[in-house]
Amino acid sequence: MKLDILAFAAHPDDTELSCAGTLAAHIAKGYKVGVVDFTRGEMGTRGTAEVRDHEARESAKIQQLAIRENLGFEDVFFTNDRKHQLEVARAVRKYQPDIVLANAITDRHPDHGKAAKLAVDACFLAGLRRIELKDEEGEELPVWRPRAVYHYIQSNYIQPDFVVDISGFWSVKMQAIKAFKSQFHDPESNEPETFISNPEFMKLLEARAKEYGHSIGVEYAEGFTVNRTIGVTDITSLL
């Protein structure tokens, strides 16, 4: 299946917290959108890998994603090496996205910056014709390189290069986040509190979206950074 937009994530729930509004907005316009998670989040303090697998599937239904796949990399310990680069490059060739969204270039969790660089490197390798990659049936995958790679913004504040209006999709984003019940605030849970399960975290999330939205005169927005200069042919399309 060819996708218009493919979002990579170090962990299940990374995209929900950072760019689910953008994904939902583009799905509503008819674009084919998918998510590929690198790990199952098995090193997380709360929940289990199996629980998070189920939560990721539920979130995918809420967002109406065309595909959601997990590459099964080792949480925390995956590296940006040849093996992992080729696995991500295989996903790029398999889904042929025009645009890739990747983790924040730097963040409080070291997996995020590591995954960002891994995605960028893999997108480049996917476009090299001398690298041969095959699908699950053993068929050779055609060379493909996305037109652009953008990085969503996560816990740490980063000045965005552009923001996307998600005002009409804030409720979808919140439903997708809440699908990950094991990870967020639950007064009845006996599991240890984490950075994102603290009830103040959701307030931060909304405040960030409102701040980005205010910057372009809308209610809610999500921010992104770029690897290279964005070009436009019609400046009237910019807000």
Protein backbone atom coordinates (compact mmCIF):
# COMPACT_ATOMS: atom_id res chain seq x y z
CA MET A 1 0.00 0.00 0.00
CA LYS A 2 1.38 3.37 -0.99
CA LEU A 3 1.01 6.02 1.71
CA ASP A 4 0.96 9.78 1.38
CA ILE A 5 2.30 10.29 4.91
CA LEU A 6 4.21 7.83 7.10
CA ALA A 7 5.01 8.66 10.72
CA PHE A 8 7.86 6.83 12.44
CA ALA A 9 7.97 6.60 16.23
CA ALA A 10 10.47 5.24 18.74
CA HIS A 11 7.59 4.12 20.98
CA PRO A 12 3.86 3.49 20.70
CA ASP A 13 2.14 6.76 21.77
CA ASP A 14 4.93 9.05 20.47
CA THR A 15 2.87 10.05 17.44
CA GLU A 16 -0.34 10.33 19.46
CA LEU A 17 1.23 12.87 21.78
CA SER A 18 3.00 14.84 19.08
CA CYS A 19 1.35 14.69 15.66
CA ALA A 20 -1.96 12.77 15.88
CA GLY A 21 -3.88 15.96 15.12
CA THR A 22 -1.90 16.48 11.94
CA LEU A 23 -2.41 12.86 10.90
CA ALA A 24 -6.14 13.07 11.56
CA ALA A 25 -6.45 16.35 9.65
CA HIS A 26 -4.84 14.83 6.57
CA ILE A 27 -6.81 11.60 6.80
CA ALA A 28 -9.97 13.72 6.76
CA LYS A 29 -8.76 15.27 3.50
CA GLY A 30 -8.45 11.83 1.93
CA TYR A 31 -4.72 11.21 2.34
CA LYS A 32 -3.49 7.70 3.16
CA VAL A 33 -1.61 7.87 6.43
CA GLY A 34 0.21 5.25 8.50
CA VAL A 35 2.41 4.81 11.57
CA VAL A 36 5.40 2.52 12.05
CA ASP A 37 6.56 2.13 15.64
CA PHE A 38 10.15 1.07 16.18
CA THR A 39 9.71 -0.62 19.59
CA ARG A 40 6.88 -2.02 21.69
CA GLY A 41 7.79 0.25 24.61
CA GLU A 42 8.64 -2.77 26.75
CA MET A 43 11.05 -0.81 28.97
CA GLY A 44 8.34 1.62 30.02
CA THR A 45 7.56 1.94 33.73
CA ARG A 46 3.84 1.34 33.30
CA GLY A 47 1.98 -1.37 31.41
CA THR A 48 3.47 -4.20 29.37
CA ALA A 49 4.42 -4.69 25.73
CA GLU A 50 1.27 -6.75 25.20
CA VAL A 51 -0.93 -4.07 26.72
CA ARG A 52 0.69 -1.39 24.60
CA ASP A 53 0.24 -3.54 21.46
CA HIS A 54 -3.50 -3.57 22.15
CA GLU A 55 -3.58 0.15 22.93
CA ALA A 56 -1.74 0.95 19.68
CA ARG A 57 -4.32 -1.01 17.70
CA GLU A 58 -7.17 0.82 19.43
CA SER A 59 -5.55 4.18 18.76
CA ALA A 60 -5.05 3.28 15.11
CA LYS A 61 -8.80 2.58 14.79
CA ILE A 62 -9.65 5.92 16.38
CA GLN A 63 -7.38 7.77 13.97
CA GLN A 64 -8.48 5.62 10.99
CA LEU A 65 -4.87 4.91 10.04
CA ALA A 66 -4.36 2.97 6.82
CA ILE A 67 -1.66 0.87 8.48
CA ARG A 68 0.11 0.55 11.82
CA GLU A 69 3.16 -1.66 12.09
CA ASN A 70 5.73 -2.38 14.78
CA LEU A 71 9.31 -3.26 13.81
CA GLY A 72 10.05 -4.89 17.16
CA PHE A 73 13.32 -3.09 17.86
CA GLU A 74 14.66 -3.38 21.40
CA ASP A 75 13.33 -0.50 23.49
CA VAL A 76 16.09 1.77 24.84
CA PHE A 77 18.85 -0.41 23.36
CA PHE A 78 18.18 -0.10 19.62
CA THR A 79 20.94 1.69 17.74
CA ASN A 80 21.32 3.68 14.55
CA ASP A 81 23.37 1.03 12.80
CA ARG A 82 23.28 -0.80 9.46
CA LYS A 83 20.82 -3.47 10.63
CA HIS A 84 18.24 -1.00 11.95
CA GLN A 85 18.73 1.45 9.08
CA LEU A 86 17.94 -1.26 6.54
CA GLU A 87 14.82 -2.36 8.43
CA VAL A 88 13.49 1.20 8.44
CA ALA A 89 14.53 1.67 4.81
CA ARG A 90 12.53 -1.48 3.98
CA ALA A 91 9.44 0.13 5.52
CA VAL A 92 10.05 3.28 3.47
CA ARG A 93 10.20 1.28 0.25
CA LYS A 94 7.24 -0.86 1.26
CA TYR A 95 4.91 2.09 1.88
CA GLN A 96 6.46 4.66 -0.49
CA PRO A 97 5.45 7.75 1.52
CA ASP A 98 5.75 11.19 0.00
CA ILE A 99 6.25 12.70 3.45
CA VAL A 100 7.82 11.13 6.53
CA LEU A 101 7.25 12.42 10.04
CA ALA A 102 9.89 11.42 12.59
CA ASN A 103 10.70 11.87 16.25
CA ALA A 104 11.98 15.14 17.70
CA ILE A 105 15.61 15.80 16.86
CA THR A 106 16.36 16.04 20.58
CA ASP A 107 14.26 15.32 23.67
CA ARG A 108 14.31 14.23 27.30
CA HIS A 109 14.13 10.55 26.27
CA PRO A 110 17.32 9.61 24.39
CA ASP A 111 15.41 7.16 22.16
CA HIS A 112 13.63 10.09 20.52
CA GLY A 113 16.68 11.87 19.12
CA LYS A 114 18.21 8.50 18.21
CA ALA A 115 15.06 7.48 16.33
CA ALA A 116 14.98 10.84 14.54
CA LYS A 117 18.46 10.34 13.10
CA LEU A 118 17.71 6.69 12.28
CA ALA A 119 14.65 7.72 10.26
CA VAL A 120 16.58 10.39 8.34
CA ASP A 121 19.44 8.02 7.51
CA ALA A 122 17.05 5.23 6.48
CA CYS A 123 15.09 7.53 4.16
CA PHE A 124 18.33 8.37 2.36
CA LEU A 125 19.37 4.72 2.10
CA ALA A 126 15.95 3.75 0.76
CA GLY A 127 16.73 5.87 -2.30
CA LEU A 128 20.03 4.17 -3.15
CA ARG A 129 19.46 1.80 -6.07
CA ARG A 130 22.43 -0.44 -5.21
CA ILE A 131 20.85 -1.40 -1.89
CA GLU A 132 18.57 -4.40 -2.45
CA LEU A 133 15.68 -4.93 -0.05
CA LYS A 134 12.91 -7.53 -0.22
CA ASP A 135 9.41 -7.71 1.20
CA GLU A 136 7.90 -10.51 3.31
CA GLU A 137 7.27 -12.62 0.19
CA GLY A 138 10.84 -12.26 -1.02
CA GLU A 139 9.97 -9.80 -3.78
CA GLU A 140 12.44 -6.99 -4.39
CA LEU A 141 11.17 -3.61 -3.24
CA PRO A 142 11.52 -0.65 -5.64
CA VAL A 143 13.84 2.21 -4.73
CA TRP A 144 12.01 5.06 -3.00
CA ARG A 145 12.95 8.28 -1.24
CA PRO A 146 10.38 10.57 0.42
CA ARG A 147 10.12 14.14 -0.79
CA ALA A 148 10.48 15.48 2.74
CA VAL A 149 11.22 14.43 6.32
CA TYR A 150 9.77 16.57 9.10
CA HIS A 151 10.28 16.15 12.84
CA TYR A 152 7.42 16.48 15.30
CA ILE A 153 8.08 18.13 18.66
CA GLN A 154 7.80 16.13 21.88
CA SER A 155 8.37 16.89 25.58
CA ASN A 156 11.15 19.48 25.32
CA TYR A 157 10.20 22.82 23.82
CA ILE A 158 11.64 23.38 20.34
CA GLN A 159 10.92 26.44 18.23
CA PRO A 160 8.98 25.02 15.26
CA ASP A 161 9.84 25.78 11.64
CA PHE A 162 6.15 25.48 10.81
CA VAL A 163 2.92 24.58 12.60
CA VAL A 164 -0.20 22.75 11.44
CA ASP A 165 -3.71 23.85 12.41
CA ILE A 166 -5.39 20.93 14.22
CA SER A 167 -8.26 22.89 15.79
CA GLY A 168 -10.90 20.64 14.25
CA PHE A 169 -9.09 17.48 15.32
CA TRP A 170 -8.13 18.11 18.94
CA SER A 171 -10.80 15.72 20.18
CA VAL A 172 -9.53 12.94 17.88
CA LYS A 173 -5.99 13.52 19.15
CA MET A 174 -7.15 13.28 22.78
CA GLN A 175 -9.14 10.11 22.10
CA ALA A 176 -6.08 8.56 20.45
CA ILE A 177 -3.92 9.49 23.44
CA LYS A 178 -6.44 8.13 25.93
CA ALA A 179 -6.41 4.79 24.11
CA PHE A 180 -3.06 4.31 25.89
CA LYS A 181 -4.76 3.95 29.25
CA SER A 182 -1.77 2.26 30.88
CA GLN A 183 0.50 5.23 30.27
CA PHE A 184 -1.48 8.20 31.53
CA HIS A 185 -3.10 9.42 34.73
CA ASP A 186 -5.48 6.97 36.34
CA PRO A 187 -6.42 7.63 39.99
CA GLU A 188 -7.20 3.93 40.44
CA SER A 189 -3.83 2.69 39.16
CA ASN A 190 -1.26 1.33 41.60
CA GLU A 191 1.60 1.65 39.12
CA PRO A 192 4.42 4.16 39.69
CA GLU A 193 3.89 7.71 38.52
CA THR A 194 5.92 8.79 35.50
CA PHE A 195 6.60 12.05 33.69
CA ILE A 196 3.62 11.52 31.37
CA SER A 197 1.23 9.92 33.90
CA ASN A 198 1.36 13.00 36.13
CA PRO A 199 -1.94 14.87 35.60
CA GLU A 200 0.02 18.07 34.96
CA PHE A 201 1.40 16.54 31.77
CA MET A 202 -1.92 16.79 29.94
CA LYS A 203 -2.14 20.45 30.91
CA LEU A 204 1.32 20.97 29.39
CA LEU A 205 0.23 19.16 26.23
CA GLU A 206 -2.81 21.38 25.77
CA ALA A 207 -0.91 24.55 26.64
CA ARG A 208 1.74 23.71 24.02
CA ALA A 209 -0.92 23.13 21.36
CA LYS A 210 -2.65 26.38 22.28
CA GLU A 211 0.64 28.29 22.16
CA TYR A 212 1.45 26.95 18.69
CA GLY A 213 -2.13 27.64 17.63
CA HIS A 214 -2.01 31.21 18.95
CA SER A 215 1.09 31.83 16.84
CA ILE A 216 -0.99 31.42 13.66
CA GLY A 217 -4.33 32.66 14.94
CA VAL A 218 -6.07 29.32 15.49
CA GLU A 219 -7.13 27.38 18.59
CA TYR A 220 -4.77 24.38 18.44
CA ALA A 221 -1.71 23.50 16.37
CA GLU A 222 1.21 21.05 16.28
CA GLY A 223 4.77 22.09 15.54
CA PHE A 224 7.43 20.59 13.28
CA THR A 225 11.06 21.19 12.38
CA VAL A 226 12.68 20.56 9.01
CA ASN A 227 15.94 19.07 7.75
CA ARG A 228 16.20 21.36 4.77
CA THR A 229 14.62 24.51 3.46
CA ILE A 230 10.96 24.25 2.44
CA GLY A 231 10.11 25.58 -1.01
CA VAL A 232 6.70 26.88 -2.11
CA THR A 233 5.31 27.92 -5.46
CA ASP A 234 2.38 29.93 -4.06
CA ILE A 235 2.97 32.14 -1.01
CA THR A 236 -0.77 32.80 -0.74
CA SER A 237 -1.23 29.26 0.58
CA LEU A 238 0.67 30.20 3.74
CA LEU A 239 -1.32 31.36 6.76
